Amino acid sequence: MKFLFLYLLIINYLAFSMFAFDKEQAIKNKRRVSEKNLLSLCFFGGTLGAWIAMKKLRHKISKDSFKLKFYAILAIQVALFFIVFKR
């Protein structure tokens, strides 16, 4: 359980950091982080960090296609959580 907590802490920190970096790059009109990479971090457990970054930094909040994919990943994670920890 300690490993899982540490993993989630790290992946969420990375997700937040990548969203922040992408926002900074967008402001500077420089090369951006791909949506595929941002969503991959979410898929592998960084959903909370990504969600906080989206809200706090107001990044990726107006792109409906991105939000749809993000919330689909979140729904799958919530469902898996309840399936695994139902016992």
Protein backbone atom coordinates (compact mmCIF):
# COMPACT_ATOMS: atom_id res chain seq x y z
CA MET A 1 0.00 0.00 0.00
CA LYS A 2 2.95 2.35 0.67
CA PHE A 3 4.19 1.72 -2.85
CA LEU A 4 0.79 2.59 -4.32
CA PHE A 5 0.62 5.83 -2.32
CA LEU A 6 4.14 6.82 -3.38
CA TYR A 7 3.40 5.94 -7.00
CA LEU A 8 0.22 8.05 -7.02
CA LEU A 9 2.01 10.94 -5.35
CA ILE A 10 4.75 10.92 -7.99
CA ILE A 11 2.48 10.43 -11.02
CA ASN A 12 0.15 13.21 -9.87
CA TYR A 13 3.08 15.55 -9.31
CA LEU A 14 4.32 14.73 -12.81
CA ALA A 15 0.86 15.29 -14.30
CA PHE A 16 0.51 18.69 -12.61
CA SER A 17 4.03 19.65 -13.68
CA MET A 18 3.45 18.64 -17.30
CA PHE A 19 0.19 20.59 -17.47
CA ALA A 20 1.97 23.62 -15.99
CA PHE A 21 4.84 23.24 -18.47
CA ASP A 22 2.39 22.94 -21.37
CA LYS A 23 0.56 26.06 -20.22
CA GLU A 24 3.86 27.95 -20.05
CA GLN A 25 4.83 26.74 -23.52
CA ALA A 26 1.43 27.81 -24.87
CA ILE A 27 1.90 31.31 -23.50
CA LYS A 28 5.37 31.54 -25.07
CA ASN A 29 4.14 30.08 -28.41
CA LYS A 30 6.72 27.32 -28.14
CA ARG A 31 6.60 23.56 -28.71
CA ARG A 32 3.79 22.04 -26.63
CA VAL A 33 3.30 18.77 -24.78
CA SER A 34 1.06 16.52 -26.85
CA GLU A 35 -2.44 15.77 -25.61
CA LYS A 36 -1.57 12.10 -25.96
CA ASN A 37 1.20 12.49 -23.38
CA LEU A 38 -0.97 14.53 -21.02
CA LEU A 39 -3.79 11.99 -21.23
CA SER A 40 -1.33 9.11 -20.77
CA LEU A 41 -0.27 10.60 -17.44
CA CYS A 42 -3.94 10.78 -16.47
CA PHE A 43 -4.55 7.21 -17.56
CA PHE A 44 -1.69 5.91 -15.45
CA GLY A 45 -2.97 7.57 -12.28
CA GLY A 46 -2.27 11.27 -12.58
CA THR A 47 -5.90 12.28 -12.89
CA LEU A 48 -6.05 14.24 -9.64
CA GLY A 49 -2.90 16.22 -10.39
CA ALA A 50 -4.14 16.92 -13.91
CA TRP A 51 -7.57 18.00 -12.65
CA ILE A 52 -6.01 20.37 -10.10
CA ALA A 53 -3.77 21.83 -12.83
CA MET A 54 -6.72 22.26 -15.18
CA LYS A 55 -8.68 24.14 -12.52
CA LYS A 56 -5.87 26.14 -10.93
CA LEU A 57 -4.03 27.05 -14.14
CA ARG A 58 -7.17 27.24 -16.30
CA HIS A 59 -5.48 25.02 -18.86
CA LYS A 60 -7.24 22.69 -21.30
CA ILE A 61 -10.62 23.72 -19.93
CA SER A 62 -12.11 25.05 -23.15
CA LYS A 63 -11.20 22.14 -25.42
CA ASP A 64 -14.21 19.83 -25.31
CA SER A 65 -12.53 16.89 -27.05
CA PHE A 66 -9.77 16.88 -24.44
CA LYS A 67 -12.23 17.20 -21.55
CA LEU A 68 -14.31 14.32 -22.93
CA LYS A 69 -11.27 12.03 -23.02
CA PHE A 70 -10.15 13.22 -19.59
CA TYR A 71 -13.53 12.55 -17.96
CA ALA A 72 -13.79 9.18 -19.73
CA ILE A 73 -10.48 8.18 -18.14
CA LEU A 74 -11.73 9.45 -14.78
CA ALA A 75 -14.96 7.43 -15.09
CA ILE A 76 -13.00 4.27 -15.89
CA GLN A 77 -10.71 4.85 -12.91
CA VAL A 78 -13.62 5.42 -10.53
CA ALA A 79 -15.35 2.26 -11.79
CA LEU A 80 -12.15 0.23 -11.40
CA PHE A 81 -11.63 1.62 -7.90
CA PHE A 82 -15.07 0.44 -6.82
CA ILE A 83 -14.62 -2.95 -8.48
CA VAL A 84 -11.24 -3.55 -6.84
CA PHE A 85 -12.07 -2.18 -3.38
CA LYS A 86 -15.66 -3.43 -3.20
CA ARG A 87 -14.59 -6.33 -0.98
